[in-house]
């Protein structure tokens, strides 16, 4: 059994279709040739060169290696890891069918394999850092194999997606986990590093303190519930000098290692009514199940959801305005990097 990394677009634009259709697609826009009928990598490179005559040789070789893997190397029974670009989670599925050529499309859905998505929304924070490096390879399709990744991920699937790996990892070994692409999604890597740091420093009720600091930086007065039973609310927040202005917000912060389901959202909505709040903020470090995502349109004007990625983005955006005590606990540094793309 091999495990393949497959991405659903540079910004996750195809993710819902992959999951809803129980398929993975090869989403090279405009590439409308039956990959199975291209009998060699050289024939595939020639076809790609004809399609995109202005492309550099290195780019064509890179594209061809990924397309060839989708059509010829993937096997029924192999697993696929689909990192979400919408939340800090990873979906896992098993390939059920051979390569399909779909000439009617529509573009870019000309190439597909049927899937059984047996595990969705597994939090990224469940995985060891070297495995996260592999998930951060800056390619649309590649095999995940180094550092015994296949066996370790399979063991995690049998252990409620908790890591069973205890050997220490060095920076060199972890970096070596990136497949032969030689590229790494630096932004994703940075978020994973920040997430590990925040998990260690702000576990449990400490995460509510961090969310409170972000809200204060945005001009809210806050009340934070003491540790223990919180009657469905961890924070209350309101703008203005005394916190009496609108919107009045109820906040729940969940730091467990499983995604939050619909009942937790319902609990927050009930707390909003009990406390006379107009709006709600539900923060879940391990993300949300699709049952919660489906409620987003109906709750758009009342509730906001922050998963791990959203919380980190809010933290970085507010960093300069955080109070000195919190800022001293967060050794962050702004850097710039060149954006990369494989297609």
Foldseek 3Di string as FASTA:
>chain_A
DFEKEAEQDPQQPRVVVCVVVQKDADAPWPPQDQLVVQPDLVSQLVSVCVVPVVDDSVLSSLVSVFVCCQQPVDDQQYKYWYQHSVFQFIWMWTFHAHWDAQNVDDHPRGIMTGIDRPGPLQGPLQDDLLVVQQNFQQGRMDIQCPPNVVVQQVVCVVVVNHGPDDDDDDPVSSNVRHPPPPDGNVVSSVLNVVLVLCCVVQPDLNVVVLVVLLLVLVAWDKDADDPDDDQLAGMWIAHDPVRPHDQTEGEDAAEDSAADEDVNVVSQVVVCVVVVGQAYEYEYQSHHDVNVVVCCVVCVRHYDYHYSVNSVVSCVVSQVSGDPVVNVSDPDDDDDDDDDHSD
